[in-house]
């Protein structure tokens, strides 16, 4: 295998960012298993673009990758940290990779042994939904689609820049605007933590084996919302509850979902809310309107802890 030219370099002369994804997959000796939600991204052009989607000025001194697989994106991210000026010359920039599959975790440690040895790569074997995540400055990952939501909402509250690959439909729901058919709980919840943008559609042909669906890359730039909530957990639970009744009016959605939101007295909330809000449907409310309703619910609906 002949690597492409270019890419970042460490002080010991090892170069990253050049490894051919198909050759990496062959060296790994284990094919991606779609029944385990494994699909290798093998398109060099997409792989090269992914790190460039991080917001301008992102601190890349400690990147996190979820699902390293055979290491094609890992290689590009090692180049990224190698090209990033560090805050302490004595401490190398770092990439932490979480990989659930023991065979792929072992392969990553072997393939990038120099990076492991010089402290710039840490391979964490375990499930990204439950393993202790290290402190990180930004996360770039091709996520397993079956657990996209769980992982995304583990990462978003950290308030760090994220560049994540999702199933296209999931990504489009993340970035949807109020009043559209795609807008829902996911849109409101993701937008609560960050400005979310869909930056690239990725065809099935970019993967091996090919998934059954199209994919998309999403950039999440953390920010403070332009509204206030006194209890974030309740706010997110309230949003979830109302969207289970998205075809109902907000009035009926509040009344019908006290068992989900934890409201002891939903009618008390309806009594004090503005008619203009109550007559709409959940899919028409922007996040600020949800926040205002959630604060009324907290004040008047006796929410459970």
C-alpha atoms as a PDB file:
ATOM      1  CA  UNK A   1       0.000   0.000   0.000  1.00  0.00           C
ATOM      2  CA  UNK A   2       1.335   3.424  -0.966  1.00  0.00           C
ATOM      3  CA  UNK A   3       0.061   6.275   1.180  1.00  0.00           C
ATOM      4  CA  UNK A   4      -0.936   9.573  -0.387  1.00  0.00           C
ATOM      5  CA  UNK A   5       1.442  12.484   0.122  1.00  0.00           C
ATOM      6  CA  UNK A   6       0.861  15.275   2.616  1.00  0.00           C
ATOM      7  CA  UNK A   7      -0.566  15.190   6.118  1.00  0.00           C
ATOM      8  CA  UNK A   8       0.620  16.275   9.522  1.00  0.00           C
ATOM      9  CA  UNK A   9       3.841  15.145  11.173  1.00  0.00           C
ATOM     10  CA  UNK A  10       4.840  14.530  14.764  1.00  0.00           C
ATOM     11  CA  UNK A  11       8.189  15.521  16.138  1.00  0.00           C
ATOM     12  CA  UNK A  12       9.441  11.930  15.712  1.00  0.00           C
ATOM     13  CA  UNK A  13       8.861  12.090  11.951  1.00  0.00           C
ATOM     14  CA  UNK A  14       5.792   9.837  11.833  1.00  0.00           C
ATOM     15  CA  UNK A  15       3.270  11.190   9.351  1.00  0.00           C
ATOM     16  CA  UNK A  16      -0.505  11.067   9.651  1.00  0.00           C
ATOM     17  CA  UNK A  17      -3.413  11.934   7.408  1.00  0.00           C
ATOM     18  CA  UNK A  18      -2.192   9.800   4.499  1.00  0.00           C
ATOM     19  CA  UNK A  19      -3.380   6.284   5.214  1.00  0.00           C
ATOM     20  CA  UNK A  20      -5.532   4.681   2.541  1.00  0.00           C
ATOM     21  CA  UNK A  21      -8.870   3.638   4.129  1.00  0.00           C
ATOM     22  CA  UNK A  22      -9.187   0.453   2.048  1.00  0.00           C
ATOM     23  CA  UNK A  23      -5.667  -0.617   2.996  1.00  0.00           C
ATOM     24  CA  UNK A  24      -6.420   0.081   6.658  1.00  0.00           C
ATOM     25  CA  UNK A  25      -9.508  -2.114   6.456  1.00  0.00           C
ATOM     26  CA  UNK A  26      -7.444  -4.931   4.904  1.00  0.00           C
ATOM     27  CA  UNK A  27      -4.757  -4.627   7.566  1.00  0.00           C
ATOM     28  CA  UNK A  28      -7.378  -4.706  10.303  1.00  0.00           C
ATOM     29  CA  UNK A  29      -8.205  -8.221   9.119  1.00  0.00           C
ATOM     30  CA  UNK A  30     -11.823  -7.907  10.244  1.00  0.00           C
ATOM     31  CA  UNK A  31     -14.563  -6.535   8.030  1.00  0.00           C
ATOM     32  CA  UNK A  32     -17.011  -4.024   9.364  1.00  0.00           C
ATOM     33  CA  UNK A  33     -20.118  -5.860  10.488  1.00  0.00           C
ATOM     34  CA  UNK A  34     -23.326  -4.026   9.515  1.00  0.00           C
ATOM     35  CA  UNK A  35     -25.334  -6.136  11.963  1.00  0.00           C
ATOM     36  CA  UNK A  36     -23.199  -4.475  14.658  1.00  0.00           C
ATOM     37  CA  UNK A  37     -23.834  -1.041  13.117  1.00  0.00           C
ATOM     38  CA  UNK A  38     -20.341  -0.939  11.615  1.00  0.00           C
ATOM     39  CA  UNK A  39     -19.760   0.807   8.279  1.00  0.00           C
ATOM     40  CA  UNK A  40     -16.270   1.986   7.335  1.00  0.00           C
ATOM     41  CA  UNK A  41     -16.075   5.424   5.749  1.00  0.00           C
ATOM     42  CA  UNK A  42     -13.691   4.798   2.821  1.00  0.00           C
ATOM     43  CA  UNK A  43     -14.035   7.918   0.658  1.00  0.00           C
ATOM     44  CA  UNK A  44     -10.741   9.831   0.982  1.00  0.00           C
ATOM     45  CA  UNK A  45     -12.323  13.122  -0.007  1.00  0.00           C
ATOM     46  CA  UNK A  46     -14.984  12.952   2.680  1.00  0.00           C
ATOM     47  CA  UNK A  47     -12.458  11.805   5.281  1.00  0.00           C
ATOM     48  CA  UNK A  48     -10.170  14.720   4.461  1.00  0.00           C
ATOM     49  CA  UNK A  49     -13.014  17.250   4.711  1.00  0.00           C
ATOM     50  CA  UNK A  50     -14.466  16.111   8.024  1.00  0.00           C
ATOM     51  CA  UNK A  51     -11.903  17.749  10.362  1.00  0.00           C
ATOM     52  CA  UNK A  52     -12.156  21.006   8.385  1.00  0.00           C
ATOM     53  CA  UNK A  53     -15.786  21.362   9.469  1.00  0.00           C
ATOM     54  CA  UNK A  54     -14.787  22.162  13.041  1.00  0.00           C
ATOM     55  CA  UNK A  55     -15.744  25.779  13.818  1.00  0.00           C
ATOM     56  CA  UNK A  56     -13.018  28.333  13.209  1.00  0.00           C
ATOM     57  CA  UNK A  57     -10.859  28.790  16.264  1.00  0.00           C
ATOM     58  CA  UNK A  58     -11.701  25.389  17.790  1.00  0.00           C
ATOM     59  CA  UNK A  59      -9.217  24.189  20.386  1.00  0.00           C
ATOM     60  CA  UNK A  60      -7.889  20.933  18.874  1.00  0.00           C
ATOM     61  CA  UNK A  61      -5.426  20.072  21.617  1.00  0.00           C
ATOM     62  CA  UNK A  62      -7.546  17.123  22.849  1.00  0.00           C
ATOM     63  CA  UNK A  63      -9.911  15.639  20.288  1.00  0.00           C
ATOM     64  CA  UNK A  64     -12.365  12.831  20.936  1.00  0.00           C
ATOM     65  CA  UNK A  65     -13.455  10.253  18.363  1.00  0.00           C
ATOM     66  CA  UNK A  66     -16.294   7.783  18.929  1.00  0.00           C
ATOM     67  CA  UNK A  67     -16.015   4.503  17.026  1.00  0.00           C
ATOM     68  CA  UNK A  68     -12.514   4.386  15.568  1.00  0.00           C
ATOM     69  CA  UNK A  69     -13.041   1.190  13.542  1.00  0.00           C
ATOM     70  CA  UNK A  70     -10.068   0.583  11.247  1.00  0.00           C
ATOM     71  CA  UNK A  71      -8.699   4.073  11.859  1.00  0.00           C
ATOM     72  CA  UNK A  72      -9.232   6.045   8.640  1.00  0.00           C
ATOM     73  CA  UNK A  73     -10.704   9.038  10.487  1.00  0.00           C
ATOM     74  CA  UNK A  74      -8.342   8.440  13.409  1.00  0.00           C
ATOM     75  CA  UNK A  75      -5.454   8.983  10.983  1.00  0.00           C
ATOM     76  CA  UNK A  76      -6.893  12.325   9.818  1.00  0.00           C
ATOM     77  CA  UNK A  77      -7.500  13.466  13.375  1.00  0.00           C
ATOM     78  CA  UNK A  78      -3.923  12.614  14.368  1.00  0.00           C
ATOM     79  CA  UNK A  79      -2.840  14.899  11.531  1.00  0.00           C
ATOM     80  CA  UNK A  80      -5.144  17.605  12.891  1.00  0.00           C
ATOM     81  CA  UNK A  81      -3.689  17.539  16.386  1.00  0.00           C
ATOM     82  CA  UNK A  82      -0.163  17.341  14.946  1.00  0.00           C
ATOM     83  CA  UNK A  83      -0.790  20.565  13.037  1.00  0.00           C
ATOM     84  CA  UNK A  84      -2.274  22.324  16.088  1.00  0.00           C
ATOM     85  CA  UNK A  85       0.042  24.453  18.240  1.00  0.00           C
ATOM     86  CA  UNK A  86      -0.029  23.077  21.767  1.00  0.00           C
ATOM     87  CA  UNK A  87      -0.410  25.146  24.909  1.00  0.00           C
ATOM     88  CA  UNK A  88       2.474  23.288  26.585  1.00  0.00           C
ATOM     89  CA  UNK A  89       5.483  22.192  24.460  1.00  0.00           C
ATOM     90  CA  UNK A  90       6.204  19.426  26.982  1.00  0.00           C
ATOM     91  CA  UNK A  91       2.716  17.945  26.679  1.00  0.00           C
ATOM     92  CA  UNK A  92       1.628  16.479  23.332  1.00  0.00           C
ATOM     93  CA  UNK A  93      -1.752  17.242  21.879  1.00  0.00           C
ATOM     94  CA  UNK A  94      -4.005  14.229  22.256  1.00  0.00           C
ATOM     95  CA  UNK A  95      -6.638  12.197  20.488  1.00  0.00           C
ATOM     96  CA  UNK A  96      -8.830   9.875  22.546  1.00  0.00           C
ATOM     97  CA  UNK A  97     -10.687   7.190  20.583  1.00  0.00           C
ATOM     98  CA  UNK A  98     -13.542   5.178  22.071  1.00  0.00           C
ATOM     99  CA  UNK A  99     -13.944   1.801  20.364  1.00  0.00           C
ATOM    100  CA  UNK A 100     -16.343  -0.890  21.568  1.00  0.00           C
ATOM    101  CA  UNK A 101     -15.022  -3.762  19.423  1.00  0.00           C
ATOM    102  CA  UNK A 102     -11.976  -5.395  21.102  1.00  0.00           C
ATOM    103  CA  UNK A 103     -10.453  -6.450  17.760  1.00  0.00           C
ATOM    104  CA  UNK A 104     -10.594  -2.940  16.322  1.00  0.00           C
ATOM    105  CA  UNK A 105      -9.337  -1.424  19.584  1.00  0.00           C
ATOM    106  CA  UNK A 106      -6.315  -3.738  19.461  1.00  0.00           C
ATOM    107  CA  UNK A 107      -5.737  -2.912  15.788  1.00  0.00           C
ATOM    108  CA  UNK A 108      -5.793   0.834  16.461  1.00  0.00           C
ATOM    109  CA  UNK A 109      -3.182   0.444  19.190  1.00  0.00           C
ATOM    110  CA  UNK A 110      -0.984  -1.564  16.824  1.00  0.00           C
ATOM    111  CA  UNK A 111      -1.514   0.545  13.668  1.00  0.00           C
ATOM    112  CA  UNK A 112      -0.811   3.780  15.536  1.00  0.00           C
ATOM    113  CA  UNK A 113       1.721   2.376  17.990  1.00  0.00           C
ATOM    114  CA  UNK A 114       4.003   5.411  17.622  1.00  0.00           C
ATOM    115  CA  UNK A 115       1.184   7.770  18.575  1.00  0.00           C
ATOM    116  CA  UNK A 116       0.293   5.605  21.565  1.00  0.00           C
ATOM    117  CA  UNK A 117       3.940   5.557  22.605  1.00  0.00           C
ATOM    118  CA  UNK A 118       4.432   9.324  22.377  1.00  0.00           C
ATOM    119  CA  UNK A 119       1.221  10.022  24.283  1.00  0.00           C
ATOM    120  CA  UNK A 120      -0.734  11.589  21.438  1.00  0.00           C
ATOM    121  CA  UNK A 121      -3.242   8.706  21.108  1.00  0.00           C
ATOM    122  CA  UNK A 122      -5.329   6.978  23.750  1.00  0.00           C
ATOM    123  CA  UNK A 123      -7.601   4.086  22.730  1.00  0.00           C
ATOM    124  CA  UNK A 124     -10.440   3.538  25.188  1.00  0.00           C
ATOM    125  CA  UNK A 125     -12.099   0.154  24.798  1.00  0.00           C
ATOM    126  CA  UNK A 126     -15.767   0.317  25.784  1.00  0.00           C
ATOM    127  CA  UNK A 127     -19.270   1.451  24.965  1.00  0.00           C
ATOM    128  CA  UNK A 128     -19.487   5.207  24.330  1.00  0.00           C
ATOM    129  CA  UNK A 129     -22.893   5.265  26.020  1.00  0.00           C
ATOM    130  CA  UNK A 130     -21.462   4.170  29.361  1.00  0.00           C
ATOM    131  CA  UNK A 131     -17.655   4.440  29.412  1.00  0.00           C
ATOM    132  CA  UNK A 132     -16.065   7.367  31.243  1.00  0.00           C
ATOM    133  CA  UNK A 133     -15.240   9.968  28.608  1.00  0.00           C
ATOM    134  CA  UNK A 134     -12.015  11.928  29.074  1.00  0.00           C
ATOM    135  CA  UNK A 135     -12.005  15.719  29.096  1.00  0.00           C
ATOM    136  CA  UNK A 136     -11.967  16.856  25.465  1.00  0.00           C
ATOM    137  CA  UNK A 137     -11.853  20.121  23.565  1.00  0.00           C
ATOM    138  CA  UNK A 138     -13.874  18.941  20.530  1.00  0.00           C
ATOM    139  CA  UNK A 139     -15.342  15.718  19.160  1.00  0.00           C
ATOM    140  CA  UNK A 140     -15.242  14.440  15.573  1.00  0.00           C
ATOM    141  CA  UNK A 141     -16.891  11.093  14.872  1.00  0.00           C
ATOM    142  CA  UNK A 142     -18.660   8.799  12.447  1.00  0.00           C
ATOM    143  CA  UNK A 143     -21.254   7.577  14.933  1.00  0.00           C
ATOM    144  CA  UNK A 144     -22.932   4.165  14.970  1.00  0.00           C
ATOM    145  CA  UNK A 145     -26.395   5.095  13.706  1.00  0.00           C
ATOM    146  CA  UNK A 146     -28.297   2.846  16.101  1.00  0.00           C
ATOM    147  CA  UNK A 147     -27.071   4.810  19.116  1.00  0.00           C
ATOM    148  CA  UNK A 148     -26.727   8.247  17.494  1.00  0.00           C
ATOM    149  CA  UNK A 149     -29.246   9.938  19.743  1.00  0.00           C
ATOM    150  CA  UNK A 150     -27.842   8.532  22.984  1.00  0.00           C
ATOM    151  CA  UNK A 151     -24.279   9.488  22.120  1.00  0.00           C
ATOM    152  CA  UNK A 152     -25.187  12.905  20.726  1.00  0.00           C
ATOM    153  CA  UNK A 153     -27.048  13.841  23.897  1.00  0.00           C
ATOM    154  CA  UNK A 154     -24.158  12.626  25.977  1.00  0.00           C
ATOM    155  CA  UNK A 155     -21.829  14.942  24.037  1.00  0.00           C
ATOM    156  CA  UNK A 156     -23.981  18.057  23.573  1.00  0.00           C
ATOM    157  CA  UNK A 157     -24.217  19.063  27.268  1.00  0.00           C
ATOM    158  CA  UNK A 158     -20.406  19.155  27.424  1.00  0.00           C
ATOM    159  CA  UNK A 159     -20.553  22.437  25.510  1.00  0.00           C
ATOM    160  CA  UNK A 160     -17.752  21.573  23.079  1.00  0.00           C
ATOM    161  CA  UNK A 161     -17.659  21.821  19.268  1.00  0.00           C
ATOM    162  CA  UNK A 162     -18.875  18.626  17.573  1.00  0.00           C
ATOM    163  CA  UNK A 163     -18.634  17.336  14.009  1.00  0.00           C
ATOM    164  CA  UNK A 164     -20.710  14.164  13.784  1.00  0.00           C
ATOM    165  CA  UNK A 165     -21.839  11.816  11.027  1.00  0.00           C
ATOM    166  CA  UNK A 166     -25.460  10.713  11.290  1.00  0.00           C
ATOM    167  CA  UNK A 167     -28.096   8.986   9.247  1.00  0.00           C
ATOM    168  CA  UNK A 168     -29.368  11.688   6.887  1.00  0.00           C
ATOM    169  CA  UNK A 169     -32.930  11.632   8.227  1.00  0.00           C
ATOM    170  CA  UNK A 170     -31.671  12.033  11.793  1.00  0.00           C
ATOM    171  CA  UNK A 171     -29.426  14.932  10.763  1.00  0.00           C
ATOM    172  CA  UNK A 172     -32.264  16.687   8.955  1.00  0.00           C
ATOM    173  CA  UNK A 173     -34.442  16.408  12.049  1.00  0.00           C
ATOM    174  CA  UNK A 174     -31.652  17.893  14.168  1.00  0.00           C
ATOM    175  CA  UNK A 175     -31.483  21.038  12.036  1.00  0.00           C
ATOM    176  CA  UNK A 176     -35.209  21.392  11.230  1.00  0.00           C
ATOM    177  CA  UNK A 177     -37.088  24.666  11.716  1.00  0.00           C
ATOM    178  CA  UNK A 178     -40.434  25.117  13.493  1.00  0.00           C
ATOM    179  CA  UNK A 179     -43.428  24.445  11.289  1.00  0.00           C
ATOM    180  CA  UNK A 180     -41.710  21.794   9.153  1.00  0.00           C
ATOM    181  CA  UNK A 181     -42.559  18.103   9.211  1.00  0.00           C
ATOM    182  CA  UNK A 182     -39.021  17.217  10.386  1.00  0.00           C
ATOM    183  CA  UNK A 183     -39.131  19.587  13.378  1.00  0.00           C
ATOM    184  CA  UNK A 184     -39.532  17.838  16.690  1.00  0.00           C
ATOM    185  CA  UNK A 185     -38.068  16.973  20.050  1.00  0.00           C
ATOM    186  CA  UNK A 186     -34.663  16.339  18.486  1.00  0.00           C
ATOM    187  CA  UNK A 187     -34.594  19.785  16.841  1.00  0.00           C
ATOM    188  CA  UNK A 188     -35.503  21.627  20.052  1.00  0.00           C
ATOM    189  CA  UNK A 189     -33.210  19.581  22.290  1.00  0.00           C
ATOM    190  CA  UNK A 190     -30.147  19.833  20.032  1.00  0.00           C
ATOM    191  CA  UNK A 191     -30.753  23.540  19.415  1.00  0.00           C
ATOM    192  CA  UNK A 192     -30.907  24.090  23.173  1.00  0.00           C
ATOM    193  CA  UNK A 193     -27.193  23.324  23.382  1.00  0.00           C
ATOM    194  CA  UNK A 194     -25.733  24.502  20.102  1.00  0.00           C
ATOM    195  CA  UNK A 195     -26.126  26.085  16.705  1.00  0.00           C
ATOM    196  CA  UNK A 196     -26.604  22.989  14.572  1.00  0.00           C
ATOM    197  CA  UNK A 197     -25.794  22.943  10.850  1.00  0.00           C
ATOM    198  CA  UNK A 198     -25.921  20.221   8.228  1.00  0.00           C
ATOM    199  CA  UNK A 199     -22.634  20.741   6.379  1.00  0.00           C
ATOM    200  CA  UNK A 200     -22.477  17.813   3.942  1.00  0.00           C
ATOM    201  CA  UNK A 201     -24.627  15.001   2.566  1.00  0.00           C
ATOM    202  CA  UNK A 202     -22.695  11.749   2.224  1.00  0.00           C
ATOM    203  CA  UNK A 203     -23.830   9.035  -0.215  1.00  0.00           C
ATOM    204  CA  UNK A 204     -24.042   5.348   0.653  1.00  0.00           C
ATOM    205  CA  UNK A 205     -21.189   4.660  -1.762  1.00  0.00           C
ATOM    206  CA  UNK A 206     -18.753   6.417   0.584  1.00  0.00           C
ATOM    207  CA  UNK A 207     -18.970   3.447   2.985  1.00  0.00           C
ATOM    208  CA  UNK A 208     -17.972  -0.218   2.991  1.00  0.00           C
ATOM    209  CA  UNK A 209     -20.182  -2.099   3.469  1.00  0.00           C
ATOM    210  CA  UNK A 210     -22.769   0.347   2.211  1.00  0.00           C
ATOM    211  CA  UNK A 211     -25.504   1.233   4.722  1.00  0.00           C
ATOM    212  CA  UNK A 212     -29.135   1.123   3.670  1.00  0.00           C
ATOM    213  CA  UNK A 213     -29.492   4.869   4.158  1.00  0.00           C
ATOM    214  CA  UNK A 214     -27.839   8.128   3.128  1.00  0.00           C
ATOM    215  CA  UNK A 215     -25.715   9.949   5.692  1.00  0.00           C
ATOM    216  CA  UNK A 216     -24.963  13.548   6.611  1.00  0.00           C
ATOM    217  CA  UNK A 217     -22.361  15.473   8.583  1.00  0.00           C
ATOM    218  CA  UNK A 218     -23.565  17.887  11.256  1.00  0.00           C
ATOM    219  CA  UNK A 219     -21.599  20.649  12.951  1.00  0.00           C
ATOM    220  CA  UNK A 220     -22.620  21.693  16.463  1.00  0.00           C
ATOM    221  CA  UNK A 221     -21.206  24.987  17.709  1.00  0.00           C
ATOM    222  CA  UNK A 222     -21.952  25.398  21.426  1.00  0.00           C
ATOM    223  CA  UNK A 223     -23.730  28.531  22.596  1.00  0.00           C
ATOM    224  CA  UNK A 224     -25.947  29.788  25.371  1.00  0.00           C
ATOM    225  CA  UNK A 225     -29.628  29.829  24.336  1.00  0.00           C
ATOM    226  CA  UNK A 226     -31.427  33.162  24.090  1.00  0.00           C
ATOM    227  CA  UNK A 227     -33.932  32.064  26.728  1.00  0.00           C
ATOM    228  CA  UNK A 228     -33.631  30.812  30.286  1.00  0.00           C
ATOM    229  CA  UNK A 229     -34.821  27.593  31.900  1.00  0.00           C
ATOM    230  CA  UNK A 230     -34.649  27.016  35.616  1.00  0.00           C
ATOM    231  CA  UNK A 231     -34.496  23.226  35.370  1.00  0.00           C
ATOM    232  CA  UNK A 232     -32.878  21.856  32.222  1.00  0.00           C
ATOM    233  CA  UNK A 233     -33.905  18.249  32.870  1.00  0.00           C
ATOM    234  CA  UNK A 234     -37.538  19.263  33.267  1.00  0.00           C
ATOM    235  CA  UNK A 235     -37.411  21.455  30.155  1.00  0.00           C
ATOM    236  CA  UNK A 236     -36.162  18.554  28.025  1.00  0.00           C
ATOM    237  CA  UNK A 237     -38.722  16.186  29.565  1.00  0.00           C
ATOM    238  CA  UNK A 238     -41.501  18.704  28.919  1.00  0.00           C
ATOM    239  CA  UNK A 239     -40.462  19.063  25.265  1.00  0.00           C
ATOM    240  CA  UNK A 240     -40.388  15.287  24.897  1.00  0.00           C
ATOM    241  CA  UNK A 241     -43.858  15.003  26.426  1.00  0.00           C
ATOM    242  CA  UNK A 242     -45.492  17.575  24.166  1.00  0.00           C
ATOM    243  CA  UNK A 243     -44.040  16.045  21.008  1.00  0.00           C
ATOM    244  CA  UNK A 244     -45.675  12.721  21.815  1.00  0.00           C
ATOM    245  CA  UNK A 245     -48.880  14.641  21.019  1.00  0.00           C
ATOM    246  CA  UNK A 246     -47.595  16.676  18.086  1.00  0.00           C
ATOM    247  CA  UNK A 247     -50.929  16.527  16.208  1.00  0.00           C
ATOM    248  CA  UNK A 248     -52.864  17.861  19.211  1.00  0.00           C
ATOM    249  CA  UNK A 249     -53.094  21.457  20.302  1.00  0.00           C
ATOM    250  CA  UNK A 250     -50.616  22.528  22.943  1.00  0.00           C
ATOM    251  CA  UNK A 251     -53.546  22.784  25.367  1.00  0.00           C
ATOM    252  CA  UNK A 252     -54.442  19.123  24.939  1.00  0.00           C
ATOM    253  CA  UNK A 253     -50.820  18.025  24.731  1.00  0.00           C
ATOM    254  CA  UNK A 254     -50.120  19.521  28.171  1.00  0.00           C
ATOM    255  CA  UNK A 255     -53.245  17.928  29.620  1.00  0.00           C
ATOM    256  CA  UNK A 256     -52.546  14.508  28.102  1.00  0.00           C
ATOM    257  CA  UNK A 257     -48.890  14.127  29.017  1.00  0.00           C
ATOM    258  CA  UNK A 258     -48.595  14.886  32.716  1.00  0.00           C
ATOM    259  CA  UNK A 259     -47.482  11.298  33.264  1.00  0.00           C
ATOM    260  CA  UNK A 260     -44.518  11.913  30.937  1.00  0.00           C
ATOM    261  CA  UNK A 261     -43.537  15.444  31.929  1.00  0.00           C
ATOM    262  CA  UNK A 262     -44.128  14.748  35.610  1.00  0.00           C
ATOM    263  CA  UNK A 263     -46.757  17.459  36.071  1.00  0.00           C
ATOM    264  CA  UNK A 264     -49.126  16.841  38.967  1.00  0.00           C
ATOM    265  CA  UNK A 265     -51.594  19.518  37.807  1.00  0.00           C
ATOM    266  CA  UNK A 266     -51.503  20.058  34.025  1.00  0.00           C
ATOM    267  CA  UNK A 267     -54.800  21.963  34.102  1.00  0.00           C
ATOM    268  CA  UNK A 268     -53.234  24.631  36.290  1.00  0.00           C
ATOM    269  CA  UNK A 269     -50.664  25.236  33.542  1.00  0.00           C
ATOM    270  CA  UNK A 270     -53.360  25.509  30.897  1.00  0.00           C
ATOM    271  CA  UNK A 271     -55.234  28.017  33.058  1.00  0.00           C
ATOM    272  CA  UNK A 272     -52.328  30.493  33.127  1.00  0.00           C
ATOM    273  CA  UNK A 273     -50.808  30.008  29.651  1.00  0.00           C
ATOM    274  CA  UNK A 274     -51.509  32.408  26.804  1.00  0.00           C
ATOM    275  CA  UNK A 275     -54.282  31.363  24.445  1.00  0.00           C
ATOM    276  CA  UNK A 276     -52.044  32.171  21.477  1.00  0.00           C
ATOM    277  CA  UNK A 277     -49.688  29.394  22.580  1.00  0.00           C
ATOM    278  CA  UNK A 278     -52.348  26.925  23.678  1.00  0.00           C
ATOM    279  CA  UNK A 279     -54.089  26.986  20.318  1.00  0.00           C
ATOM    280  CA  UNK A 280     -50.955  26.041  18.376  1.00  0.00           C
ATOM    281  CA  UNK A 281     -49.469  22.597  17.854  1.00  0.00           C
ATOM    282  CA  UNK A 282     -46.130  21.595  19.395  1.00  0.00           C
ATOM    283  CA  UNK A 283     -44.458  21.538  15.990  1.00  0.00           C
ATOM    284  CA  UNK A 284     -45.201  25.244  15.525  1.00  0.00           C
ATOM    285  CA  UNK A 285     -43.497  26.428  18.735  1.00  0.00           C
ATOM    286  CA  UNK A 286     -39.940  27.696  18.649  1.00  0.00           C
ATOM    287  CA  UNK A 287     -37.552  26.728  21.479  1.00  0.00           C
ATOM    288  CA  UNK A 288     -38.125  30.032  23.316  1.00  0.00           C
ATOM    289  CA  UNK A 289     -41.872  29.344  23.418  1.00  0.00           C
ATOM    290  CA  UNK A 290     -41.218  25.867  24.807  1.00  0.00           C
ATOM    291  CA  UNK A 291     -38.989  27.416  27.441  1.00  0.00           C
ATOM    292  CA  UNK A 292     -41.670  29.929  28.446  1.00  0.00           C
ATOM    293  CA  UNK A 293     -44.266  27.150  28.753  1.00  0.00           C
ATOM    294  CA  UNK A 294     -41.867  24.964  30.714  1.00  0.00           C
ATOM    295  CA  UNK A 295     -41.278  27.779  33.217  1.00  0.00           C
ATOM    296  CA  UNK A 296     -45.038  28.239  33.619  1.00  0.00           C
ATOM    297  CA  UNK A 297     -45.354  24.495  34.127  1.00  0.00           C
ATOM    298  CA  UNK A 298     -42.671  24.538  36.793  1.00  0.00           C
ATOM    299  CA  UNK A 299     -44.342  27.415  38.592  1.00  0.00           C
ATOM    300  CA  UNK A 300     -47.941  26.207  38.426  1.00  0.00           C
ATOM    301  CA  UNK A 301     -48.052  22.512  37.563  1.00  0.00           C
ATOM    302  CA  UNK A 302     -46.246  21.113  40.614  1.00  0.00           C
ATOM    303  CA  UNK A 303     -43.694  19.071  38.651  1.00  0.00           C
ATOM    304  CA  UNK A 304     -42.229  16.032  40.338  1.00  0.00           C
ATOM    305  CA  UNK A 305     -38.521  16.057  41.100  1.00  0.00           C
END
